[in-house]
């Protein structure tokens, strides 16, 4: 996982980004040089209401998630579940 890649250099150049946006949250995890970079992930789009929604997808060696103001935990759970599935394959 992420920790396994840490060598004093890698963790400084490869980042996890969590930031707020106008509509809620954005999460991004750089996957290049990890075992996850070529793994399949099926895009997820959930929209319950204008404030309760999230999308997760892969984009150019990144896991990306965006969602409403209440959905950061949902996005992180999707990422964690995907990583665990990858490790169990």
N, C-alpha and C. Protein backbone atom coordinates (compact mmCIF):
# COMPACT_ATOMS: atom_id res chain seq x y z
N UNK A 1 0.83 -1.18 0.00
CA UNK A 1 0.00 0.00 0.00
C UNK A 1 0.88 1.24 0.00
N UNK A 2 0.32 2.38 0.34
CA UNK A 2 1.06 3.65 0.30
C UNK A 2 2.33 3.57 1.13
N UNK A 3 2.22 3.08 2.34
CA UNK A 3 3.36 3.01 3.25
C UNK A 3 4.51 2.21 2.64
N UNK A 4 4.21 1.16 1.90
CA UNK A 4 5.24 0.31 1.31
C UNK A 4 6.09 1.06 0.28
N UNK A 5 5.57 2.13 -0.28
CA UNK A 5 6.30 2.90 -1.29
C UNK A 5 7.24 3.93 -0.67
N UNK A 6 7.06 4.25 0.60
CA UNK A 6 7.83 5.33 1.23
C UNK A 6 9.31 4.97 1.32
N UNK A 7 10.15 5.83 0.76
CA UNK A 7 11.59 5.61 0.78
C UNK A 7 12.36 6.90 1.06
N UNK A 8 11.69 7.94 1.53
CA UNK A 8 12.32 9.22 1.79
C UNK A 8 12.19 10.18 0.62
N UNK A 9 11.88 9.68 -0.56
CA UNK A 9 11.69 10.53 -1.74
C UNK A 9 10.28 10.40 -2.29
N UNK A 10 9.84 9.16 -2.49
CA UNK A 10 8.56 8.89 -3.15
C UNK A 10 7.41 9.62 -2.49
N UNK A 11 7.34 9.57 -1.16
CA UNK A 11 6.19 10.16 -0.48
C UNK A 11 6.16 11.69 -0.61
N UNK A 12 7.29 12.31 -0.93
CA UNK A 12 7.30 13.76 -1.12
C UNK A 12 6.82 14.15 -2.51
N UNK A 13 6.97 13.26 -3.48
CA UNK A 13 6.58 13.61 -4.84
C UNK A 13 5.21 13.05 -5.23
N UNK A 14 4.75 12.04 -4.55
CA UNK A 14 3.45 11.43 -4.84
C UNK A 14 2.52 11.83 -3.71
N UNK A 15 1.39 12.42 -4.05
CA UNK A 15 0.59 13.00 -2.99
C UNK A 15 -0.83 12.48 -2.93
N UNK A 16 -1.34 12.61 -1.73
CA UNK A 16 -2.77 12.45 -1.48
C UNK A 16 -3.31 13.86 -1.32
N UNK A 17 -4.37 14.16 -2.05
CA UNK A 17 -4.95 15.50 -1.97
C UNK A 17 -6.41 15.37 -1.51
N UNK A 18 -6.73 16.12 -0.48
CA UNK A 18 -8.12 16.26 -0.03
C UNK A 18 -8.36 17.75 0.08
N UNK A 19 -9.35 18.24 -0.68
CA UNK A 19 -9.62 19.67 -0.64
C UNK A 19 -11.12 19.92 -0.76
N UNK A 20 -11.52 21.08 -0.31
CA UNK A 20 -12.91 21.49 -0.47
C UNK A 20 -13.08 22.16 -1.82
N UNK A 21 -14.29 22.07 -2.34
CA UNK A 21 -14.64 22.71 -3.60
C UNK A 21 -15.91 23.53 -3.38
N UNK A 22 -16.38 24.17 -4.41
CA UNK A 22 -17.64 24.93 -4.31
C UNK A 22 -18.81 24.03 -3.93
N UNK A 23 -18.75 22.77 -4.38
CA UNK A 23 -19.88 21.85 -4.18
C UNK A 23 -19.65 20.80 -3.11
N UNK A 24 -18.47 20.78 -2.47
CA UNK A 24 -18.21 19.77 -1.46
C UNK A 24 -16.75 19.43 -1.35
N UNK A 25 -16.40 18.18 -1.75
CA UNK A 25 -15.06 17.64 -1.55
C UNK A 25 -14.44 17.10 -2.83
N UNK A 26 -13.10 17.12 -2.85
CA UNK A 26 -12.35 16.44 -3.90
C UNK A 26 -11.22 15.67 -3.24
N UNK A 27 -11.09 14.39 -3.62
CA UNK A 27 -10.03 13.51 -3.12
C UNK A 27 -9.26 12.99 -4.32
N UNK A 28 -7.93 12.97 -4.23
CA UNK A 28 -7.11 12.46 -5.31
C UNK A 28 -5.92 11.70 -4.71
N UNK A 29 -5.69 10.51 -5.22
CA UNK A 29 -4.56 9.68 -4.77
C UNK A 29 -3.76 9.29 -5.99
N UNK A 30 -2.49 9.67 -6.04
CA UNK A 30 -1.62 9.34 -7.15
C UNK A 30 -1.24 7.87 -7.06
N UNK A 31 -1.42 7.11 -8.15
CA UNK A 31 -1.23 5.67 -8.14
C UNK A 31 0.01 5.19 -8.89
N UNK A 32 0.65 6.07 -9.66
CA UNK A 32 1.83 5.65 -10.42
C UNK A 32 2.89 5.12 -9.46
N UNK A 33 3.59 4.08 -9.88
CA UNK A 33 4.61 3.39 -9.09
C UNK A 33 4.02 2.63 -7.90
N UNK A 34 2.72 2.33 -7.96
CA UNK A 34 2.10 1.47 -6.96
C UNK A 34 1.52 0.25 -7.67
N UNK A 35 1.14 -0.75 -6.91
CA UNK A 35 0.55 -1.95 -7.51
C UNK A 35 -0.84 -1.68 -8.05
N UNK A 36 -1.40 -0.53 -7.76
CA UNK A 36 -2.77 -0.21 -8.14
C UNK A 36 -2.88 0.51 -9.48
N UNK A 37 -1.75 0.95 -10.05
CA UNK A 37 -1.79 1.81 -11.23
C UNK A 37 -2.47 1.17 -12.43
N UNK A 38 -2.42 -0.15 -12.57
CA UNK A 38 -3.05 -0.82 -13.71
C UNK A 38 -4.28 -1.63 -13.34
N UNK A 39 -4.75 -1.45 -12.13
CA UNK A 39 -5.93 -2.19 -11.68
C UNK A 39 -7.20 -1.56 -12.23
N UNK A 40 -8.20 -2.40 -12.45
CA UNK A 40 -9.49 -1.94 -12.96
C UNK A 40 -10.31 -1.34 -11.83
N UNK A 41 -10.99 -0.25 -12.14
CA UNK A 41 -11.95 0.34 -11.23
C UNK A 41 -13.14 0.81 -12.05
N UNK A 42 -14.31 0.35 -11.68
CA UNK A 42 -15.51 0.77 -12.39
C UNK A 42 -16.01 2.09 -11.78
N UNK A 43 -16.17 3.08 -12.63
CA UNK A 43 -16.62 4.39 -12.19
C UNK A 43 -17.92 4.28 -11.39
N UNK A 44 -17.98 5.03 -10.31
CA UNK A 44 -19.16 5.05 -9.46
C UNK A 44 -19.76 6.45 -9.50
N UNK A 45 -21.06 6.53 -9.74
CA UNK A 45 -21.78 7.80 -9.71
C UNK A 45 -23.04 7.60 -8.88
N UNK A 46 -23.09 8.26 -7.75
CA UNK A 46 -24.24 8.19 -6.85
C UNK A 46 -24.78 9.60 -6.66
N UNK A 47 -26.07 9.78 -6.88
CA UNK A 47 -26.69 11.08 -6.62
C UNK A 47 -28.04 10.86 -5.96
N UNK A 48 -28.08 11.16 -4.67
CA UNK A 48 -29.32 11.05 -3.91
C UNK A 48 -30.05 12.39 -3.89
N UNK A 49 -29.30 13.46 -3.60
CA UNK A 49 -29.85 14.81 -3.61
C UNK A 49 -28.77 15.77 -4.12
N UNK A 50 -29.09 17.05 -4.17
CA UNK A 50 -28.11 18.06 -4.61
C UNK A 50 -26.91 18.13 -3.68
N UNK A 51 -27.09 17.80 -2.41
CA UNK A 51 -25.99 17.86 -1.44
C UNK A 51 -25.44 16.48 -1.08
N UNK A 52 -26.11 15.45 -1.48
CA UNK A 52 -25.72 14.07 -1.12
C UNK A 52 -25.43 13.30 -2.41
N UNK A 53 -24.16 13.37 -2.86
CA UNK A 53 -23.76 12.74 -4.11
C UNK A 53 -22.24 12.50 -4.08
N UNK A 54 -21.79 11.55 -4.87
CA UNK A 54 -20.35 11.37 -5.06
C UNK A 54 -20.07 10.57 -6.32
N UNK A 55 -18.92 10.87 -6.91
CA UNK A 55 -18.42 10.18 -8.09
C UNK A 55 -16.99 9.76 -7.80
N UNK A 56 -16.64 8.54 -8.17
CA UNK A 56 -15.28 8.05 -8.02
C UNK A 56 -14.85 7.42 -9.35
N UNK A 57 -13.61 7.69 -9.76
CA UNK A 57 -13.14 7.22 -11.06
C UNK A 57 -11.62 7.23 -11.09
N UNK A 58 -11.06 6.55 -12.09
CA UNK A 58 -9.62 6.59 -12.33
C UNK A 58 -9.34 7.58 -13.44
N UNK A 59 -8.26 8.33 -13.27
CA UNK A 59 -7.89 9.34 -14.25
C UNK A 59 -6.37 9.46 -14.30
N UNK A 60 -5.77 8.94 -15.36
CA UNK A 60 -4.33 9.10 -15.59
C UNK A 60 -3.51 8.79 -14.34
N UNK A 61 -3.52 7.56 -13.89
CA UNK A 61 -2.77 7.11 -12.72
C UNK A 61 -3.20 7.77 -11.42
N UNK A 62 -4.43 8.21 -11.36
CA UNK A 62 -4.98 8.78 -10.13
C UNK A 62 -6.34 8.16 -9.84
N UNK A 63 -6.58 7.94 -8.57
CA UNK A 63 -7.92 7.65 -8.11
C UNK A 63 -8.50 8.99 -7.74
N UNK A 64 -9.65 9.31 -8.30
CA UNK A 64 -10.30 10.61 -8.06
C UNK A 64 -11.68 10.38 -7.45
N UNK A 65 -12.01 11.22 -6.51
CA UNK A 65 -13.34 11.20 -5.94
C UNK A 65 -13.82 12.62 -5.71
N UNK A 66 -15.05 12.86 -6.00
CA UNK A 66 -15.65 14.16 -5.75
C UNK A 66 -17.04 13.93 -5.21
N UNK A 67 -17.47 14.83 -4.34
CA UNK A 67 -18.78 14.62 -3.76
C UNK A 67 -19.30 15.82 -3.01
N UNK A 68 -20.51 15.67 -2.54
CA UNK A 68 -21.18 16.73 -1.80
C UNK A 68 -20.56 16.95 -0.43
N UNK A 69 -21.08 17.93 0.26
CA UNK A 69 -20.50 18.35 1.53
C UNK A 69 -20.56 17.26 2.62
N UNK A 70 -21.44 16.30 2.47
CA UNK A 70 -21.58 15.24 3.46
C UNK A 70 -20.92 13.93 3.03
N UNK A 71 -20.19 13.91 1.91
CA UNK A 71 -19.79 12.65 1.30
C UNK A 71 -18.30 12.32 1.29
N UNK A 72 -17.49 13.05 2.02
CA UNK A 72 -16.06 12.72 2.05
C UNK A 72 -15.83 11.30 2.55
N UNK A 73 -16.52 10.89 3.59
CA UNK A 73 -16.36 9.53 4.13
C UNK A 73 -16.76 8.49 3.09
N UNK A 74 -17.81 8.75 2.33
CA UNK A 74 -18.23 7.82 1.27
C UNK A 74 -17.11 7.64 0.25
N UNK A 75 -16.51 8.73 -0.17
CA UNK A 75 -15.43 8.69 -1.16
C UNK A 75 -14.25 7.90 -0.62
N UNK A 76 -13.85 8.20 0.61
CA UNK A 76 -12.71 7.49 1.22
C UNK A 76 -13.01 6.01 1.39
N UNK A 77 -14.25 5.68 1.74
CA UNK A 77 -14.62 4.26 1.88
C UNK A 77 -14.57 3.53 0.54
N UNK A 78 -14.98 4.19 -0.54
CA UNK A 78 -14.88 3.57 -1.87
C UNK A 78 -13.42 3.28 -2.18
N UNK A 79 -12.54 4.24 -1.92
CA UNK A 79 -11.12 4.05 -2.17
C UNK A 79 -10.56 2.90 -1.33
N UNK A 80 -10.84 2.89 -0.05
CA UNK A 80 -10.33 1.85 0.85
C UNK A 80 -10.84 0.47 0.42
N UNK A 81 -12.11 0.36 0.09
CA UNK A 81 -12.67 -0.92 -0.34
C UNK A 81 -12.02 -1.40 -1.63
N UNK A 82 -11.78 -0.49 -2.57
CA UNK A 82 -11.12 -0.86 -3.83
C UNK A 82 -9.69 -1.36 -3.58
N UNK A 83 -8.96 -0.66 -2.74
CA UNK A 83 -7.58 -1.08 -2.41
C UNK A 83 -7.59 -2.46 -1.77
N UNK A 84 -8.50 -2.68 -0.84
CA UNK A 84 -8.59 -4.00 -0.19
C UNK A 84 -8.94 -5.10 -1.19
N UNK A 85 -9.85 -4.82 -2.13
CA UNK A 85 -10.18 -5.79 -3.18
C UNK A 85 -8.96 -6.08 -4.04
N UNK A 86 -8.21 -5.06 -4.40
CA UNK A 86 -6.99 -5.25 -5.21
C UNK A 86 -5.99 -6.13 -4.50
N UNK A 87 -5.83 -5.93 -3.21
CA UNK A 87 -4.86 -6.72 -2.44
C UNK A 87 -5.30 -8.16 -2.27
N UNK A 88 -6.58 -8.42 -2.34
CA UNK A 88 -7.09 -9.79 -2.17
C UNK A 88 -7.19 -10.55 -3.48
N UNK A 89 -6.81 -9.96 -4.59
CA UNK A 89 -6.90 -10.64 -5.89
C UNK A 89 -5.66 -11.48 -6.13
